C-alpha atoms as a PDB file:
ATOM      1  CA  UNK A   1     -22.206  67.999-177.128  1.00  0.00           C
ATOM      2  CA  UNK A   2     -18.440  67.806-178.066  1.00  0.00           C
ATOM      3  CA  UNK A   3     -18.190  71.637-176.910  1.00  0.00           C
ATOM      4  CA  UNK A   4     -19.965  70.809-173.599  1.00  0.00           C
ATOM      5  CA  UNK A   5     -17.387  67.911-172.986  1.00  0.00           C
ATOM      6  CA  UNK A   6     -14.462  70.326-173.643  1.00  0.00           C
ATOM      7  CA  UNK A   7     -15.766  72.744-171.095  1.00  0.00           C
ATOM      8  CA  UNK A   8     -16.329  70.003-168.562  1.00  0.00           C
ATOM      9  CA  UNK A   9     -12.644  68.782-169.035  1.00  0.00           C
ATOM     10  CA  UNK A  10     -11.528  72.530-168.735  1.00  0.00           C
ATOM     11  CA  UNK A  11     -13.346  73.173-165.528  1.00  0.00           C
ATOM     12  CA  UNK A  12     -12.298  69.770-164.065  1.00  0.00           C
ATOM     13  CA  UNK A  13      -8.618  70.727-164.769  1.00  0.00           C
ATOM     14  CA  UNK A  14      -9.042  74.241-163.218  1.00  0.00           C
ATOM     15  CA  UNK A  15     -10.647  72.834-160.132  1.00  0.00           C
ATOM     16  CA  UNK A  16      -8.005  70.110-159.693  1.00  0.00           C
ATOM     17  CA  UNK A  17      -5.222  72.620-160.206  1.00  0.00           C
ATOM     18  CA  UNK A  18      -6.739  74.857-157.458  1.00  0.00           C
ATOM     19  CA  UNK A  19      -7.141  72.038-155.056  1.00  0.00           C
ATOM     20  CA  UNK A  20      -3.597  70.955-155.633  1.00  0.00           C
ATOM     21  CA  UNK A  21      -2.131  74.205-154.914  1.00  0.00           C
ATOM     22  CA  UNK A  22      -4.274  74.678-151.837  1.00  0.00           C
ATOM     23  CA  UNK A  23      -3.904  71.252-150.214  1.00  0.00           C
ATOM     24  CA  UNK A  24      -0.702  69.570-151.632  1.00  0.00           C
ATOM     25  CA  UNK A  25       1.853  71.369-153.726  1.00  0.00           C
ATOM     26  CA  UNK A  26       2.523  75.015-154.598  1.00  0.00           C
ATOM     27  CA  UNK A  27       4.882  76.556-157.285  1.00  0.00           C
ATOM     28  CA  UNK A  28       7.269  79.138-155.987  1.00  0.00           C
ATOM     29  CA  UNK A  29       9.796  81.492-157.874  1.00  0.00           C
ATOM     30  CA  UNK A  30      13.193  82.069-156.398  1.00  0.00           C
ATOM     31  CA  UNK A  31      13.476  85.992-156.691  1.00  0.00           C
ATOM     32  CA  UNK A  32      17.035  86.623-155.662  1.00  0.00           C
ATOM     33  CA  UNK A  33      20.397  85.095-154.926  1.00  0.00           C
ATOM     34  CA  UNK A  34      19.855  84.913-151.197  1.00  0.00           C
ATOM     35  CA  UNK A  35      19.748  81.053-151.047  1.00  0.00           C
ATOM     36  CA  UNK A  36      22.713  80.335-153.307  1.00  0.00           C
ATOM     37  CA  UNK A  37      24.358  77.745-153.570  1.00  0.00           C
ATOM     38  CA  UNK A  38      21.227  75.797-152.610  1.00  0.00           C
ATOM     39  CA  UNK A  39      18.774  77.629-154.882  1.00  0.00           C
ATOM     40  CA  UNK A  40      19.599  80.065-157.781  1.00  0.00           C
ATOM     41  CA  UNK A  41      17.881  83.189-158.648  1.00  0.00           C
ATOM     42  CA  UNK A  42      15.127  82.539-161.148  1.00  0.00           C
ATOM     43  CA  UNK A  43      14.571  78.904-160.350  1.00  0.00           C
ATOM     44  CA  UNK A  44      11.111  77.377-160.131  1.00  0.00           C
ATOM     45  CA  UNK A  45      10.427  75.083-157.205  1.00  0.00           C
ATOM     46  CA  UNK A  46       7.573  73.027-155.648  1.00  0.00           C
ATOM     47  CA  UNK A  47       6.642  73.414-152.051  1.00  0.00           C
ATOM     48  CA  UNK A  48       5.391  70.451-150.188  1.00  0.00           C
ATOM     49  CA  UNK A  49       2.522  71.556-147.895  1.00  0.00           C
ATOM     50  CA  UNK A  50       2.196  68.424-146.016  1.00  0.00           C
ATOM     51  CA  UNK A  51       5.901  68.191-144.832  1.00  0.00           C
ATOM     52  CA  UNK A  52       4.909  69.844-141.467  1.00  0.00           C
ATOM     53  CA  UNK A  53       1.229  69.005-141.683  1.00  0.00           C
ATOM     54  CA  UNK A  54      -1.162  70.978-143.846  1.00  0.00           C
ATOM     55  CA  UNK A  55      -1.973  74.553-142.894  1.00  0.00           C
ATOM     56  CA  UNK A  56      -5.619  74.928-143.814  1.00  0.00           C
ATOM     57  CA  UNK A  57      -6.281  77.664-146.291  1.00  0.00           C
ATOM     58  CA  UNK A  58      -8.656  80.570-145.863  1.00  0.00           C
ATOM     59  CA  UNK A  59      -7.142  81.669-142.465  1.00  0.00           C
ATOM     60  CA  UNK A  60      -9.248  84.939-142.533  1.00  0.00           C
ATOM     61  CA  UNK A  61     -12.395  82.772-142.106  1.00  0.00           C
ATOM     62  CA  UNK A  62     -11.283  79.753-139.997  1.00  0.00           C
ATOM     63  CA  UNK A  63      -8.145  80.968-138.256  1.00  0.00           C
ATOM     64  CA  UNK A  64      -4.945  78.827-137.877  1.00  0.00           C
ATOM     65  CA  UNK A  65      -5.384  75.134-138.004  1.00  0.00           C
ATOM     66  CA  UNK A  66      -2.981  72.467-139.131  1.00  0.00           C
ATOM     67  CA  UNK A  67      -3.685  68.754-139.967  1.00  0.00           C
ATOM     68  CA  UNK A  68      -1.240  66.010-139.002  1.00  0.00           C
ATOM     69  CA  UNK A  69       1.379  68.474-137.804  1.00  0.00           C
ATOM     70  CA  UNK A  70       4.933  67.283-137.835  1.00  0.00           C
ATOM     71  CA  UNK A  71       8.084  68.979-136.471  1.00  0.00           C
ATOM     72  CA  UNK A  72      10.531  71.030-138.544  1.00  0.00           C
ATOM     73  CA  UNK A  73      14.163  69.885-138.798  1.00  0.00           C
ATOM     74  CA  UNK A  74      17.218  71.883-138.396  1.00  0.00           C
ATOM     75  CA  UNK A  75      18.651  72.884-141.783  1.00  0.00           C
ATOM     76  CA  UNK A  76      15.369  72.484-143.648  1.00  0.00           C
ATOM     77  CA  UNK A  77      14.735  75.039-146.388  1.00  0.00           C
ATOM     78  CA  UNK A  78      11.247  76.338-145.667  1.00  0.00           C
ATOM     79  CA  UNK A  79       8.711  78.643-147.267  1.00  0.00           C
ATOM     80  CA  UNK A  80       6.708  80.947-144.991  1.00  0.00           C
ATOM     81  CA  UNK A  81       4.700  84.179-144.963  1.00  0.00           C
ATOM     82  CA  UNK A  82       6.489  87.220-143.934  1.00  0.00           C
ATOM     83  CA  UNK A  83       6.201  87.855-140.166  1.00  0.00           C
ATOM     84  CA  UNK A  84       7.383  91.393-140.492  1.00  0.00           C
ATOM     85  CA  UNK A  85       4.479  92.576-142.584  1.00  0.00           C
ATOM     86  CA  UNK A  86       2.538  94.991-140.551  1.00  0.00           C
ATOM     87  CA  UNK A  87       0.134  96.162-143.095  1.00  0.00           C
ATOM     88  CA  UNK A  88      -1.595  92.658-143.705  1.00  0.00           C
ATOM     89  CA  UNK A  89      -3.369  91.114-140.746  1.00  0.00           C
ATOM     90  CA  UNK A  90      -4.330  87.864-142.475  1.00  0.00           C
ATOM     91  CA  UNK A  91      -1.301  85.524-142.281  1.00  0.00           C
ATOM     92  CA  UNK A  92      -1.721  83.654-145.481  1.00  0.00           C
ATOM     93  CA  UNK A  93      -2.178  86.820-147.482  1.00  0.00           C
ATOM     94  CA  UNK A  94       1.268  88.133-146.642  1.00  0.00           C
ATOM     95  CA  UNK A  95       4.098  87.797-149.184  1.00  0.00           C
ATOM     96  CA  UNK A  96       5.986  84.513-149.326  1.00  0.00           C
ATOM     97  CA  UNK A  97       9.603  84.150-148.263  1.00  0.00           C
ATOM     98  CA  UNK A  98      12.087  81.291-148.330  1.00  0.00           C
ATOM     99  CA  UNK A  99      15.107  80.436-145.974  1.00  0.00           C
ATOM    100  CA  UNK A 100      16.941  77.907-144.146  1.00  0.00           C
ATOM    101  CA  UNK A 101      15.639  76.919-140.601  1.00  0.00           C
ATOM    102  CA  UNK A 102      18.796  77.128-138.273  1.00  0.00           C
ATOM    103  CA  UNK A 103      17.017  77.546-135.028  1.00  0.00           C
ATOM    104  CA  UNK A 104      14.305  75.251-133.473  1.00  0.00           C
ATOM    105  CA  UNK A 105      12.234  76.133-130.447  1.00  0.00           C
ATOM    106  CA  UNK A 106      14.520  75.871-127.315  1.00  0.00           C
ATOM    107  CA  UNK A 107      17.638  76.117-129.283  1.00  0.00           C
ATOM    108  CA  UNK A 108      20.464  78.432-128.458  1.00  0.00           C
ATOM    109  CA  UNK A 109      22.198  80.129-131.110  1.00  0.00           C
ATOM    110  CA  UNK A 110      25.244  82.446-130.687  1.00  0.00           C
ATOM    111  CA  UNK A 111      24.736  85.659-132.541  1.00  0.00           C
ATOM    112  CA  UNK A 112      26.510  89.011-132.973  1.00  0.00           C
ATOM    113  CA  UNK A 113      25.058  92.598-132.510  1.00  0.00           C
ATOM    114  CA  UNK A 114      23.394  92.250-135.889  1.00  0.00           C
ATOM    115  CA  UNK A 115      21.818  88.853-135.009  1.00  0.00           C
ATOM    116  CA  UNK A 116      23.933  86.980-137.469  1.00  0.00           C
ATOM    117  CA  UNK A 117      24.501  83.392-136.308  1.00  0.00           C
ATOM    118  CA  UNK A 118      28.207  82.802-135.654  1.00  0.00           C
ATOM    119  CA  UNK A 119      27.783  79.249-134.236  1.00  0.00           C
ATOM    120  CA  UNK A 120      29.333  76.929-136.797  1.00  0.00           C
ATOM    121  CA  UNK A 121      27.142  74.001-135.959  1.00  0.00           C
ATOM    122  CA  UNK A 122      23.958  76.075-136.250  1.00  0.00           C
ATOM    123  CA  UNK A 123      24.695  78.006-139.421  1.00  0.00           C
ATOM    124  CA  UNK A 124      23.885  77.207-142.969  1.00  0.00           C
ATOM    125  CA  UNK A 125      26.546  75.299-144.618  1.00  0.00           C
ATOM    126  CA  UNK A 126      26.951  77.783-147.396  1.00  0.00           C
ATOM    127  CA  UNK A 127      26.370  80.837-145.406  1.00  0.00           C
ATOM    128  CA  UNK A 128      28.613  83.761-146.243  1.00  0.00           C
ATOM    129  CA  UNK A 129      30.203  86.558-144.161  1.00  0.00           C
ATOM    130  CA  UNK A 130      31.793  89.894-145.009  1.00  0.00           C
ATOM    131  CA  UNK A 131      35.581  90.099-145.144  1.00  0.00           C
ATOM    132  CA  UNK A 132      37.927  92.996-145.708  1.00  0.00           C
ATOM    133  CA  UNK A 133      41.590  93.086-147.079  1.00  0.00           C
ATOM    134  CA  UNK A 134      43.994  95.752-148.264  1.00  0.00           C
ATOM    135  CA  UNK A 135      43.091  97.340-151.593  1.00  0.00           C
ATOM    136  CA  UNK A 136      46.665  96.732-152.691  1.00  0.00           C
ATOM    137  CA  UNK A 137      46.044  93.040-152.634  1.00  0.00           C
ATOM    138  CA  UNK A 138      42.923  93.188-154.857  1.00  0.00           C
ATOM    139  CA  UNK A 139      44.792  91.846-158.085  1.00  0.00           C
ATOM    140  CA  UNK A 140      46.562  88.993-156.168  1.00  0.00           C
ATOM    141  CA  UNK A 141      43.251  87.984-154.442  1.00  0.00           C
ATOM    142  CA  UNK A 142      41.362  88.024-157.784  1.00  0.00           C
ATOM    143  CA  UNK A 143      44.044  85.867-159.455  1.00  0.00           C
ATOM    144  CA  UNK A 144      44.038  83.459-156.395  1.00  0.00           C
ATOM    145  CA  UNK A 145      40.262  83.149-156.479  1.00  0.00           C
ATOM    146  CA  UNK A 146      40.556  82.091-160.142  1.00  0.00           C
ATOM    147  CA  UNK A 147      43.178  79.448-159.423  1.00  0.00           C
ATOM    148  CA  UNK A 148      40.929  78.019-156.505  1.00  0.00           C
ATOM    149  CA  UNK A 149      37.821  78.035-158.682  1.00  0.00           C
ATOM    150  CA  UNK A 150      35.936  80.585-156.354  1.00  0.00           C
ATOM    151  CA  UNK A 151      33.535  81.790-158.981  1.00  0.00           C
ATOM    152  CA  UNK A 152      30.840  84.564-158.960  1.00  0.00           C
ATOM    153  CA  UNK A 153      32.527  86.344-155.985  1.00  0.00           C
ATOM    154  CA  UNK A 154      32.036  90.153-156.758  1.00  0.00           C
ATOM    155  CA  UNK A 155      33.626  93.072-155.125  1.00  0.00           C
ATOM    156  CA  UNK A 156      31.005  94.657-152.860  1.00  0.00           C
ATOM    157  CA  UNK A 157      32.641  97.811-151.836  1.00  0.00           C
ATOM    158  CA  UNK A 158      35.978  99.603-151.344  1.00  0.00           C
ATOM    159  CA  UNK A 159      37.570 102.808-150.077  1.00  0.00           C
ATOM    160  CA  UNK A 160      41.035 104.175-150.413  1.00  0.00           C
ATOM    161  CA  UNK A 161      42.455 101.494-148.122  1.00  0.00           C
ATOM    162  CA  UNK A 162      40.332  98.405-148.020  1.00  0.00           C
ATOM    163  CA  UNK A 163      37.992  96.278-150.350  1.00  0.00           C
ATOM    164  CA  UNK A 164      35.072  94.146-149.018  1.00  0.00           C
ATOM    165  CA  UNK A 165      34.012  90.710-150.400  1.00  0.00           C
ATOM    166  CA  UNK A 166      31.808  87.959-148.945  1.00  0.00           C
ATOM    167  CA  UNK A 167      33.198  84.384-148.607  1.00  0.00           C
ATOM    168  CA  UNK A 168      31.727  81.078-147.222  1.00  0.00           C
ATOM    169  CA  UNK A 169      33.565  79.367-144.481  1.00  0.00           C
ATOM    170  CA  UNK A 170      34.954  76.857-147.069  1.00  0.00           C
ATOM    171  CA  UNK A 171      36.070  79.578-149.463  1.00  0.00           C
ATOM    172  CA  UNK A 172      37.729  81.299-146.521  1.00  0.00           C
ATOM    173  CA  UNK A 173      39.426  78.056-145.553  1.00  0.00           C
ATOM    174  CA  UNK A 174      40.803  77.664-149.141  1.00  0.00           C
ATOM    175  CA  UNK A 175      42.025  81.130-149.286  1.00  0.00           C
ATOM    176  CA  UNK A 176      43.792  80.822-145.708  1.00  0.00           C
ATOM    177  CA  UNK A 177      45.579  77.520-146.753  1.00  0.00           C
ATOM    178  CA  UNK A 178      46.807  79.158-149.989  1.00  0.00           C
ATOM    179  CA  UNK A 179      48.086  82.330-148.337  1.00  0.00           C
ATOM    180  CA  UNK A 180      49.348  80.693-145.117  1.00  0.00           C
ATOM    181  CA  UNK A 181      51.641  83.166-143.127  1.00  0.00           C
ATOM    182  CA  UNK A 182      50.821  85.969-145.571  1.00  0.00           C
ATOM    183  CA  UNK A 183      47.068  85.932-144.769  1.00  0.00           C
ATOM    184  CA  UNK A 184      45.533  89.357-144.859  1.00  0.00           C
ATOM    185  CA  UNK A 185      41.830  88.683-144.992  1.00  0.00           C
ATOM    186  CA  UNK A 186      39.810  89.607-141.867  1.00  0.00           C
ATOM    187  CA  UNK A 187      36.052  89.738-140.861  1.00  0.00           C
ATOM    188  CA  UNK A 188      34.370  93.128-141.554  1.00  0.00           C
ATOM    189  CA  UNK A 189      32.910  93.177-138.122  1.00  0.00           C
ATOM    190  CA  UNK A 190      34.927  92.783-134.862  1.00  0.00           C
ATOM    191  CA  UNK A 191      33.961  89.270-134.128  1.00  0.00           C
ATOM    192  CA  UNK A 192      37.306  88.621-132.338  1.00  0.00           C
ATOM    193  CA  UNK A 193      35.654  90.415-129.391  1.00  0.00           C
ATOM    194  CA  UNK A 194      33.614  87.804-127.400  1.00  0.00           C
ATOM    195  CA  UNK A 195      31.839  90.846-125.877  1.00  0.00           C
ATOM    196  CA  UNK A 196      29.828  91.014-129.281  1.00  0.00           C
ATOM    197  CA  UNK A 197      28.413  87.482-128.887  1.00  0.00           C
ATOM    198  CA  UNK A 198      25.028  86.770-127.349  1.00  0.00           C
ATOM    199  CA  UNK A 199      23.146  83.583-126.682  1.00  0.00           C
ATOM    200  CA  UNK A 200      19.799  83.814-128.437  1.00  0.00           C
ATOM    201  CA  UNK A 201      17.171  81.304-127.226  1.00  0.00           C
ATOM    202  CA  UNK A 202      14.503  80.502-129.625  1.00  0.00           C
ATOM    203  CA  UNK A 203      11.044  80.733-127.923  1.00  0.00           C
ATOM    204  CA  UNK A 204       8.994  77.621-127.591  1.00  0.00           C
ATOM    205  CA  UNK A 205       5.368  77.224-126.358  1.00  0.00           C
ATOM    206  CA  UNK A 206       5.071  77.742-122.728  1.00  0.00           C
ATOM    207  CA  UNK A 207       8.771  78.357-122.228  1.00  0.00           C
ATOM    208  CA  UNK A 208      10.291  81.303-120.321  1.00  0.00           C
ATOM    209  CA  UNK A 209      12.818  83.607-122.041  1.00  0.00           C
ATOM    210  CA  UNK A 210      15.124  85.858-119.977  1.00  0.00           C
ATOM    211  CA  UNK A 211      14.969  89.527-120.854  1.00  0.00           C
ATOM    212  CA  UNK A 212      18.402  91.168-121.512  1.00  0.00           C
ATOM    213  CA  UNK A 213      19.206  94.654-122.829  1.00  0.00           C
ATOM    214  CA  UNK A 214      20.244  93.220-126.221  1.00  0.00           C
ATOM    215  CA  UNK A 215      17.178  91.087-126.695  1.00  0.00           C
ATOM    216  CA  UNK A 216      14.322  93.149-125.137  1.00  0.00           C
ATOM    217  CA  UNK A 217      13.312  94.850-128.385  1.00  0.00           C
ATOM    218  CA  UNK A 218      13.067  91.550-130.332  1.00  0.00           C
ATOM    219  CA  UNK A 219      10.929  90.108-127.539  1.00  0.00           C
ATOM    220  CA  UNK A 220       8.769  93.197-127.372  1.00  0.00           C
ATOM    221  CA  UNK A 221       8.164  93.026-131.113  1.00  0.00           C
ATOM    222  CA  UNK A 222       7.378  89.210-130.981  1.00  0.00           C
ATOM    223  CA  UNK A 223       5.009  89.752-128.242  1.00  0.00           C
ATOM    224  CA  UNK A 224       3.120  92.633-129.905  1.00  0.00           C
ATOM    225  CA  UNK A 225       3.026  91.214-133.422  1.00  0.00           C
ATOM    226  CA  UNK A 226       2.481  87.320-132.854  1.00  0.00           C
ATOM    227  CA  UNK A 227       1.280  87.070-129.192  1.00  0.00           C
ATOM    228  CA  UNK A 228      -1.080  90.026-129.349  1.00  0.00           C
ATOM    229  CA  UNK A 229      -0.056  91.255-125.973  1.00  0.00           C
ATOM    230  CA  UNK A 230       0.479  94.855-124.857  1.00  0.00           C
ATOM    231  CA  UNK A 231       4.184  95.363-124.442  1.00  0.00           C
ATOM    232  CA  UNK A 232       6.485  98.401-124.344  1.00  0.00           C
ATOM    233  CA  UNK A 233       9.926  99.458-123.223  1.00  0.00           C
ATOM    234  CA  UNK A 234      10.080 102.239-120.685  1.00  0.00           C
ATOM    235  CA  UNK A 235      13.327 103.428-119.049  1.00  0.00           C
ATOM    236  CA  UNK A 236      15.258 100.255-120.436  1.00  0.00           C
ATOM    237  CA  UNK A 237      12.635  97.980-118.858  1.00  0.00           C
ATOM    238  CA  UNK A 238      10.287  95.747-120.695  1.00  0.00           C
ATOM    239  CA  UNK A 239       6.664  95.988-119.469  1.00  0.00           C
ATOM    240  CA  UNK A 240       3.960  93.415-120.589  1.00  0.00           C
ATOM    241  CA  UNK A 241       0.493  94.172-119.880  1.00  0.00           C
ATOM    242  CA  UNK A 242       1.482  97.074-117.818  1.00  0.00           C
ATOM    243  CA  UNK A 243       3.777  94.945-115.433  1.00  0.00           C
ATOM    244  CA  UNK A 244       7.671  95.106-115.507  1.00  0.00           C
ATOM    245  CA  UNK A 245       9.072  91.595-116.435  1.00  0.00           C
ATOM    246  CA  UNK A 246      12.329  89.845-116.363  1.00  0.00           C
ATOM    247  CA  UNK A 247      11.050  86.783-118.238  1.00  0.00           C
ATOM    248  CA  UNK A 248       8.663  86.448-121.275  1.00  0.00           C
ATOM    249  CA  UNK A 249       6.322  83.534-122.017  1.00  0.00           C
ATOM    250  CA  UNK A 250       5.124  82.528-125.393  1.00  0.00           C
ATOM    251  CA  UNK A 251       1.931  80.579-126.497  1.00  0.00           C
ATOM    252  CA  UNK A 252       3.513  79.465-129.761  1.00  0.00           C
ATOM    253  CA  UNK A 253       6.588  77.805-131.155  1.00  0.00           C
ATOM    254  CA  UNK A 254       9.041  79.967-133.092  1.00  0.00           C
ATOM    255  CA  UNK A 255      11.909  79.413-135.496  1.00  0.00           C
ATOM    256  CA  UNK A 256      15.057  81.230-136.655  1.00  0.00           C
ATOM    257  CA  UNK A 257      15.495  81.401-140.444  1.00  0.00           C
ATOM    258  CA  UNK A 258      18.618  82.396-142.383  1.00  0.00           C
ATOM    259  CA  UNK A 259      19.487  82.997-146.012  1.00  0.00           C
ATOM    260  CA  UNK A 260      22.881  81.851-147.397  1.00  0.00           C
ATOM    261  CA  UNK A 261      24.085  85.504-148.075  1.00  0.00           C
ATOM    262  CA  UNK A 262      25.541  87.613-145.213  1.00  0.00           C
ATOM    263  CA  UNK A 263      24.265  90.776-147.167  1.00  0.00           C
ATOM    264  CA  UNK A 264      20.764  89.574-148.028  1.00  0.00           C
ATOM    265  CA  UNK A 265      18.694  90.493-145.082  1.00  0.00           C
ATOM    266  CA  UNK A 266      15.464  88.766-145.981  1.00  0.00           C
ATOM    267  CA  UNK A 267      15.595  86.529-143.028  1.00  0.00           C
ATOM    268  CA  UNK A 268      15.267  86.614-139.084  1.00  0.00           C
ATOM    269  CA  UNK A 269      17.982  89.252-138.993  1.00  0.00           C
ATOM    270  CA  UNK A 270      15.366  91.665-140.366  1.00  0.00           C
ATOM    271  CA  UNK A 271      11.928  90.337-139.111  1.00  0.00           C
ATOM    272  CA  UNK A 272      12.833  88.320-136.096  1.00  0.00           C
ATOM    273  CA  UNK A 273      11.372  85.002-134.991  1.00  0.00           C
ATOM    274  CA  UNK A 274       9.050  83.164-137.501  1.00  0.00           C
ATOM    275  CA  UNK A 275       5.826  81.728-135.695  1.00  0.00           C
ATOM    276  CA  UNK A 276       4.688  78.288-136.535  1.00  0.00           C
ATOM    277  CA  UNK A 277       1.447  79.527-137.928  1.00  0.00           C
ATOM    278  CA  UNK A 278       3.500  81.403-140.750  1.00  0.00           C
ATOM    279  CA  UNK A 279       4.977  78.432-142.044  1.00  0.00           C
ATOM    280  CA  UNK A 280       3.592  77.059-145.327  1.00  0.00           C
ATOM    281  CA  UNK A 281       5.789  74.076-146.108  1.00  0.00           C
ATOM    282  CA  UNK A 282       9.101  72.572-147.058  1.00  0.00           C
ATOM    283  CA  UNK A 283      10.915  73.487-150.335  1.00  0.00           C
ATOM    284  CA  UNK A 284      10.797  70.196-152.092  1.00  0.00           C
ATOM    285  CA  UNK A 285      11.682  69.982-155.829  1.00  0.00           C
ATOM    286  CA  UNK A 286      13.323  72.191-158.503  1.00  0.00           C
ATOM    287  CA  UNK A 287      11.265  71.680-161.599  1.00  0.00           C
ATOM    288  CA  UNK A 288      12.838  74.430-163.696  1.00  0.00           C
ATOM    289  CA  UNK A 289      16.335  76.062-163.700  1.00  0.00           C
ATOM    290  CA  UNK A 290      17.759  78.574-166.250  1.00  0.00           C
ATOM    291  CA  UNK A 291      20.458  81.344-165.954  1.00  0.00           C
ATOM    292  CA  UNK A 292      19.125  84.769-166.136  1.00  0.00           C
ATOM    293  CA  UNK A 293      19.659  86.731-169.399  1.00  0.00           C
ATOM    294  CA  UNK A 294      20.908  83.754-171.113  1.00  0.00           C
ATOM    295  CA  UNK A 295      18.666  83.901-174.266  1.00  0.00           C
ATOM    296  CA  UNK A 296      15.767  81.645-175.206  1.00  0.00           C
ATOM    297  CA  UNK A 297      17.727  78.521-176.059  1.00  0.00           C
ATOM    298  CA  UNK A 298      20.652  78.828-173.710  1.00  0.00           C
ATOM    299  CA  UNK A 299      21.499  78.781-169.936  1.00  0.00           C
ATOM    300  CA  UNK A 300      19.396  75.820-169.031  1.00  0.00           C
ATOM    301  CA  UNK A 301      20.777  73.995-165.824  1.00  0.00           C
ATOM    302  CA  UNK A 302      19.526  70.574-167.084  1.00  0.00           C
ATOM    303  CA  UNK A 303      21.166  68.663-164.038  1.00  0.00           C
ATOM    304  CA  UNK A 304      18.996  70.626-161.572  1.00  0.00           C
ATOM    305  CA  UNK A 305      15.694  69.901-163.363  1.00  0.00           C
ATOM    306  CA  UNK A 306      13.526  67.745-161.010  1.00  0.00           C
ATOM    307  CA  UNK A 307      16.226  67.617-158.416  1.00  0.00           C
ATOM    308  CA  UNK A 308      15.391  67.710-154.692  1.00  0.00           C
ATOM    309  CA  UNK A 309      16.051  70.985-152.709  1.00  0.00           C
ATOM    310  CA  UNK A 310      18.856  70.599-150.321  1.00  0.00           C
END
């Protein structure tokens, strides 16, 4: 009788755990440094599936349905299925990604030719960009970063003349103030040329998006992958269902997602717009945090345990 009771308890715990993960909270492992300084490589978080309304599971059987839908907020850190996965047709079976939402339906972001957001009021606060400086200044810059407490900033590349590192806007500001008139750090890409800037409008349900040479491939891919329309580019013109178009219309709301690192491309710069049906929920709580390769009893970030994701 006692053995039977233990099995009932075990089965009950398993069922409750499955129900909790399907309908409330799911654990997620941070696999890289792409979201630093908000989330660190190796941390374990909980994802709140009700933040934007519960996306019902088993989408291969029932399709996409969301209960008590709520809008996303700009700067939310969201968890979603990879919209660029072409080999898996069922949305909730695609690999899971995480990123900061910096573009809502109808928003206009200013992006460069690589689709990196350069609008200060739409970018993640800790987003980093690539900068270059003379190789002869390497020792001086390394000492200056130590003085300014800019830690963990590794050399990303160098040639016989220049070196490359990534800095956040705040780090860049600190360095500029310290060096003043002798400032020698410049953006790796030529962002001084306004010709490289483009206004990127995030598609919304029923909204029209104008087709330009610089965005037509992005729009074509979105129409094919997520709107299931026949779209192709012929002779520099976008054709949708066999007709040449100057505007595109969408049946879903879409979002633009960014990582905090300019060199980590696991975001919208790689896979484009994120459809609403790919969004799982909001990154909510850090329940475990430990430095990698720190030993069994060392490296715990105790202050981050059970802290909210921001």
